Amino acid sequence: MVKEDNFLKKPIFFWAFFFQNNMNKVKFNPQLTPKQMLELGVFGGYYFEGKHDEYPKDWFKDAKLSNVGYDVKLNCFKINSGLSRNEWAKRGWITKEDPLGWFQ
């Protein structure tokens, strides 16, 4: 029988350490366009908080959007997934230049 700390904690620590120290070497190759992601209901339809004038109108043609907050029914998996805006801020993913964070 494998102890939990040997089986779970060490691999998690390894991957956290690996990504923290190698993110600048990882090549990002997205599989979906922003338009496709919005059609799948990413961020529960509330990423833009109703503010999407600066983005291509075509992105929103068939997008699943919410005007009142994260809506689990809009998510293609029908689950509450992702991190809160506060967590994004804590991780440095939100800046003055990108107050909504970055996904496009």
C-alpha atoms as a PDB file:
ATOM      1  CA  MET A   1       0.000   0.000   0.000  1.00  0.00           C
ATOM      2  CA  VAL A   2       1.336   3.438  -0.948  1.00  0.00           C
ATOM      3  CA  LYS A   3       1.154   6.157   1.666  1.00  0.00           C
ATOM      4  CA  GLU A   4      -0.865   9.210   0.693  1.00  0.00           C
ATOM      5  CA  ASP A   5       2.049  11.607   1.224  1.00  0.00           C
ATOM      6  CA  ASN A   6       4.285   9.545  -1.068  1.00  0.00           C
ATOM      7  CA  PHE A   7       1.656   9.120  -3.750  1.00  0.00           C
ATOM      8  CA  LEU A   8      -0.133  12.461  -3.803  1.00  0.00           C
ATOM      9  CA  LYS A   9       1.808  15.188  -2.081  1.00  0.00           C
ATOM     10  CA  LYS A  10       5.196  14.649  -3.680  1.00  0.00           C
ATOM     11  CA  PRO A  11       3.971  14.592  -7.305  1.00  0.00           C
ATOM     12  CA  ILE A  12       1.885  17.708  -6.660  1.00  0.00           C
ATOM     13  CA  PHE A  13       4.906  19.426  -5.118  1.00  0.00           C
ATOM     14  CA  PHE A  14       7.073  18.336  -8.041  1.00  0.00           C
ATOM     15  CA  TRP A  15       4.693  19.712 -10.672  1.00  0.00           C
ATOM     16  CA  ALA A  16       4.136  22.955  -8.750  1.00  0.00           C
ATOM     17  CA  PHE A  17       7.908  23.381  -8.479  1.00  0.00           C
ATOM     18  CA  PHE A  18       8.439  22.445 -12.133  1.00  0.00           C
ATOM     19  CA  PHE A  19       5.871  24.905 -13.487  1.00  0.00           C
ATOM     20  CA  GLN A  20       6.917  27.688 -11.148  1.00  0.00           C
ATOM     21  CA  ASN A  21      10.495  27.429 -12.388  1.00  0.00           C
ATOM     22  CA  ASN A  22       9.907  26.584 -16.047  1.00  0.00           C
ATOM     23  CA  MET A  23       6.858  28.567 -17.184  1.00  0.00           C
ATOM     24  CA  ASN A  24       9.005  30.835 -19.344  1.00  0.00           C
ATOM     25  CA  LYS A  25      10.146  27.735 -21.263  1.00  0.00           C
ATOM     26  CA  VAL A  26       6.673  26.282 -21.840  1.00  0.00           C
ATOM     27  CA  LYS A  27       5.303  26.956 -25.320  1.00  0.00           C
ATOM     28  CA  PHE A  28       1.613  27.807 -25.231  1.00  0.00           C
ATOM     29  CA  ASN A  29      -0.375  26.332 -28.105  1.00  0.00           C
ATOM     30  CA  PRO A  30      -4.080  26.992 -27.547  1.00  0.00           C
ATOM     31  CA  GLN A  31      -6.516  24.455 -28.943  1.00  0.00           C
ATOM     32  CA  LEU A  32      -9.495  26.831 -29.050  1.00  0.00           C
ATOM     33  CA  THR A  33      -9.947  30.397 -30.210  1.00  0.00           C
ATOM     34  CA  PRO A  34     -11.491  32.986 -27.860  1.00  0.00           C
ATOM     35  CA  LYS A  35     -14.693  32.773 -29.940  1.00  0.00           C
ATOM     36  CA  GLN A  36     -14.867  28.990 -29.494  1.00  0.00           C
ATOM     37  CA  MET A  37     -14.206  29.293 -25.769  1.00  0.00           C
ATOM     38  CA  LEU A  38     -17.017  31.836 -25.364  1.00  0.00           C
ATOM     39  CA  GLU A  39     -19.384  29.556 -27.284  1.00  0.00           C
ATOM     40  CA  LEU A  40     -18.597  26.840 -24.720  1.00  0.00           C
ATOM     41  CA  GLY A  41     -19.499  29.126 -21.821  1.00  0.00           C
ATOM     42  CA  VAL A  42     -16.054  29.602 -20.313  1.00  0.00           C
ATOM     43  CA  PHE A  43     -15.979  31.523 -17.034  1.00  0.00           C
ATOM     44  CA  GLY A  44     -19.681  30.750 -16.620  1.00  0.00           C
ATOM     45  CA  GLY A  45     -20.398  33.402 -19.230  1.00  0.00           C
ATOM     46  CA  TYR A  46     -19.204  36.223 -17.001  1.00  0.00           C
ATOM     47  CA  TYR A  47     -15.573  36.890 -17.915  1.00  0.00           C
ATOM     48  CA  PHE A  48     -16.287  40.293 -19.413  1.00  0.00           C
ATOM     49  CA  GLU A  49     -18.869  41.417 -16.862  1.00  0.00           C
ATOM     50  CA  GLY A  50     -20.857  42.803 -19.787  1.00  0.00           C
ATOM     51  CA  LYS A  51     -17.930  44.956 -20.972  1.00  0.00           C
ATOM     52  CA  HIS A  52     -16.874  43.674 -24.369  1.00  0.00           C
ATOM     53  CA  ASP A  53     -16.865  46.717 -26.659  1.00  0.00           C
ATOM     54  CA  GLU A  54     -13.106  46.526 -27.266  1.00  0.00           C
ATOM     55  CA  TYR A  55     -13.220  42.943 -28.532  1.00  0.00           C
ATOM     56  CA  PRO A  56     -14.286  41.672 -31.968  1.00  0.00           C
ATOM     57  CA  LYS A  57     -18.086  41.545 -32.250  1.00  0.00           C
ATOM     58  CA  ASP A  58     -17.786  38.181 -34.009  1.00  0.00           C
ATOM     59  CA  TRP A  59     -16.537  36.604 -30.764  1.00  0.00           C
ATOM     60  CA  PHE A  60     -19.926  37.185 -29.176  1.00  0.00           C
ATOM     61  CA  LYS A  61     -22.253  36.100 -31.984  1.00  0.00           C
ATOM     62  CA  ASP A  62     -22.980  32.668 -30.430  1.00  0.00           C
ATOM     63  CA  ALA A  63     -21.337  33.244 -27.046  1.00  0.00           C
ATOM     64  CA  LYS A  64     -22.988  32.025 -23.861  1.00  0.00           C
ATOM     65  CA  LEU A  65     -22.983  35.123 -21.671  1.00  0.00           C
ATOM     66  CA  SER A  66     -24.361  36.098 -18.282  1.00  0.00           C
ATOM     67  CA  ASN A  67     -25.109  39.626 -17.097  1.00  0.00           C
ATOM     68  CA  VAL A  68     -25.448  38.709 -13.425  1.00  0.00           C
ATOM     69  CA  GLY A  69     -22.383  36.610 -12.559  1.00  0.00           C
ATOM     70  CA  TYR A  70     -21.017  33.118 -13.065  1.00  0.00           C
ATOM     71  CA  ASP A  71     -23.780  30.841 -14.359  1.00  0.00           C
ATOM     72  CA  VAL A  72     -22.958  27.143 -14.069  1.00  0.00           C
ATOM     73  CA  LYS A  73     -25.694  26.344 -16.612  1.00  0.00           C
ATOM     74  CA  LEU A  74     -23.675  28.163 -19.290  1.00  0.00           C
ATOM     75  CA  ASN A  75     -20.517  26.139 -18.719  1.00  0.00           C
ATOM     76  CA  CYS A  76     -20.322  23.319 -21.299  1.00  0.00           C
ATOM     77  CA  PHE A  77     -19.644  20.785 -18.510  1.00  0.00           C
ATOM     78  CA  LYS A  78     -22.386  22.224 -16.252  1.00  0.00           C
ATOM     79  CA  ILE A  79     -19.929  22.555 -13.366  1.00  0.00           C
ATOM     80  CA  ASN A  80     -18.520  25.432 -11.362  1.00  0.00           C
ATOM     81  CA  SER A  81     -14.931  25.564 -12.570  1.00  0.00           C
ATOM     82  CA  GLY A  82     -12.076  28.016 -12.487  1.00  0.00           C
ATOM     83  CA  LEU A  83     -10.821  30.464  -9.930  1.00  0.00           C
ATOM     84  CA  SER A  84     -12.376  33.644  -8.617  1.00  0.00           C
ATOM     85  CA  ARG A  85     -11.256  37.075  -9.751  1.00  0.00           C
ATOM     86  CA  ASN A  86      -9.592  37.486  -6.332  1.00  0.00           C
ATOM     87  CA  GLU A  87      -7.512  34.357  -6.942  1.00  0.00           C
ATOM     88  CA  TRP A  88      -6.510  35.673 -10.372  1.00  0.00           C
ATOM     89  CA  ALA A  89      -5.347  38.896  -8.735  1.00  0.00           C
ATOM     90  CA  LYS A  90      -3.381  37.022  -6.050  1.00  0.00           C
ATOM     91  CA  ARG A  91      -1.559  35.067  -8.762  1.00  0.00           C
ATOM     92  CA  GLY A  92      -0.657  38.202 -10.723  1.00  0.00           C
ATOM     93  CA  TRP A  93      -2.871  37.356 -13.695  1.00  0.00           C
ATOM     94  CA  ILE A  94      -4.690  40.694 -13.448  1.00  0.00           C
ATOM     95  CA  THR A  95      -2.801  43.913 -14.131  1.00  0.00           C
ATOM     96  CA  LYS A  96      -3.641  47.574 -14.745  1.00  0.00           C
ATOM     97  CA  GLU A  97      -3.215  46.934 -18.467  1.00  0.00           C
ATOM     98  CA  ASP A  98      -5.471  43.868 -18.309  1.00  0.00           C
ATOM     99  CA  PRO A  99      -8.030  44.442 -15.515  1.00  0.00           C
ATOM    100  CA  LEU A 100      -9.965  41.320 -16.504  1.00  0.00           C
ATOM    101  CA  GLY A 101      -6.883  39.160 -16.713  1.00  0.00           C
ATOM    102  CA  TRP A 102      -5.950  37.577 -19.995  1.00  0.00           C
ATOM    103  CA  PHE A 103      -7.435  34.747 -21.992  1.00  0.00           C
ATOM    104  CA  GLN A 104      -7.492  36.028 -25.560  1.00  0.00           C
END
